[in-house]
C-alpha atoms as a PDB file:
ATOM      1  CA  MET A   1     113.205  99.403 111.127  1.00  0.00           C
ATOM      2  CA  VAL A   2     109.455  98.943 111.428  1.00  0.00           C
ATOM      3  CA  GLN A   3     107.393  98.111 114.482  1.00  0.00           C
ATOM      4  CA  ARG A   4     103.633  97.705 114.776  1.00  0.00           C
ATOM      5  CA  VAL A   5     102.264  99.131 118.010  1.00  0.00           C
ATOM      6  CA  GLY A   6      98.897  98.589 119.615  1.00  0.00           C
ATOM      7  CA  GLY A   7      98.530 102.261 120.447  1.00  0.00           C
ATOM      8  CA  SER A   8     100.262 104.881 122.519  1.00  0.00           C
ATOM      9  CA  PRO A   9      99.180 107.424 125.116  1.00  0.00           C
ATOM     10  CA  LYS A  10     100.242 110.280 122.804  1.00  0.00           C
ATOM     11  CA  ALA A  11      98.917 111.509 119.437  1.00  0.00           C
ATOM     12  CA  TYR A  12     101.311 111.778 116.473  1.00  0.00           C
ATOM     13  CA  ARG A  13     101.222 113.253 112.946  1.00  0.00           C
ATOM     14  CA  CYS A  14     101.243 110.689 110.118  1.00  0.00           C
ATOM     15  CA  PRO A  15     103.737 111.663 107.375  1.00  0.00           C
ATOM     16  CA  GLY A  16     101.687 109.775 104.780  1.00  0.00           C
ATOM     17  CA  CYS A  17      98.480 111.803 105.059  1.00  0.00           C
ATOM     18  CA  ASP A  18      99.464 114.606 107.473  1.00  0.00           C
ATOM     19  CA  GLN A  19      96.552 113.673 109.741  1.00  0.00           C
ATOM     20  CA  GLU A  20      96.679 112.847 113.412  1.00  0.00           C
ATOM     21  CA  VAL A  21      97.301 109.308 114.603  1.00  0.00           C
ATOM     22  CA  ALA A  22      95.096 109.523 117.685  1.00  0.00           C
ATOM     23  CA  ALA A  23      96.214 108.215 121.057  1.00  0.00           C
ATOM     24  CA  GLY A  24      95.347 104.560 121.538  1.00  0.00           C
ATOM     25  CA  VAL A  25      95.045 103.769 117.809  1.00  0.00           C
ATOM     26  CA  PRO A  26      97.142 100.838 116.539  1.00  0.00           C
ATOM     27  CA  HIS A  27      99.716 102.073 114.018  1.00  0.00           C
ATOM     28  CA  VAL A  28     103.207 101.580 112.557  1.00  0.00           C
ATOM     29  CA  VAL A  29     106.409 103.190 113.847  1.00  0.00           C
ATOM     30  CA  ALA A  30     109.263 103.357 111.318  1.00  0.00           C
ATOM     31  CA  TRP A  31     112.804 104.700 111.610  1.00  0.00           C
ATOM     32  CA  PRO A  32     116.173 104.419 109.826  1.00  0.00           C
ATOM     33  CA  ALA A  33     118.137 101.306 110.734  1.00  0.00           C
ATOM     34  CA  ASP A  34     121.525 103.029 110.431  1.00  0.00           C
ATOM     35  CA  GLU A  35     122.324 103.875 114.037  1.00  0.00           C
ATOM     36  CA  LEU A  36     126.062 104.043 113.272  1.00  0.00           C
ATOM     37  CA  ALA A  37     125.472 107.054 111.005  1.00  0.00           C
ATOM     38  CA  GLY A  38     123.640 108.843 113.806  1.00  0.00           C
ATOM     39  CA  LEU A  39     120.194 107.910 112.510  1.00  0.00           C
ATOM     40  CA  GLY A  40     117.574 105.734 114.112  1.00  0.00           C
ATOM     41  CA  GLY A  41     117.188 107.530 117.410  1.00  0.00           C
ATOM     42  CA  PRO A  42     113.872 108.589 118.926  1.00  0.00           C
ATOM     43  CA  GLY A  43     113.845 111.820 116.878  1.00  0.00           C
ATOM     44  CA  ASP A  44     114.011 109.835 113.635  1.00  0.00           C
ATOM     45  CA  ARG A  45     110.936 107.716 114.378  1.00  0.00           C
ATOM     46  CA  ARG A  46     107.776 108.379 112.390  1.00  0.00           C
ATOM     47  CA  HIS A  47     104.311 107.197 113.366  1.00  0.00           C
ATOM     48  CA  TRP A  48     102.131 106.134 110.425  1.00  0.00           C
ATOM     49  CA  HIS A  49      98.523 105.012 110.104  1.00  0.00           C
ATOM     50  CA  THR A  50      98.699 101.349 109.091  1.00  0.00           C
ATOM     51  CA  PRO A  51      96.904 101.954 105.720  1.00  0.00           C
ATOM     52  CA  CYS A  52      99.191 104.926 104.956  1.00  0.00           C
ATOM     53  CA  TRP A  53     102.259 102.784 105.646  1.00  0.00           C
ATOM     54  CA  SER A  54     100.910 100.052 103.363  1.00  0.00           C
ATOM     55  CA  ALA A  55     100.253 102.583 100.571  1.00  0.00           C
ATOM     56  CA  ARG A  56     103.503 104.566 100.922  1.00  0.00           C
ATOM     57  CA  GLY A  57     104.948 103.140  97.687  1.00  0.00           C
ATOM     58  CA  ARG A  58     101.850 104.091  95.690  1.00  0.00           C
ATOM     59  CA  ARG A  59     101.447 107.676  96.815  1.00  0.00           C
ATOM     60  CA  ARG A  60     103.480 110.710  97.691  1.00  0.00           C
ATOM     61  CA  PRO A  61     103.209 112.699 100.903  1.00  0.00           C
ATOM     62  CA  THR A  62     101.085 115.827 100.594  1.00  0.00           C
ATOM     63  CA  PRO A  63     103.350 118.891 100.184  1.00  0.00           C
ATOM     64  CA  ARG A  64     103.107 121.133 103.250  1.00  0.00           C
ATOM     65  CA  HIS A  65     101.978 124.180 101.242  1.00  0.00           C
ATOM     66  CA  LEU A  66      98.878 122.259 100.046  1.00  0.00           C
ATOM     67  CA  ARG A  67      97.730 121.212 103.513  1.00  0.00           C
END
């Protein structure tokens, strides 16, 4: 599932670039659609910068040890 949001009062970490999605910045929230398998709850949601979400198929996330 994917939802575009106009901003939120909280900052999040983008899994695409590992940078902060600042509070109030419009972005994309994505989560698994398979709620029957126990996925798709609030803990499964990821907040992405809109450009990172758009480029997710063309790039890989930065490995944690390189950050």
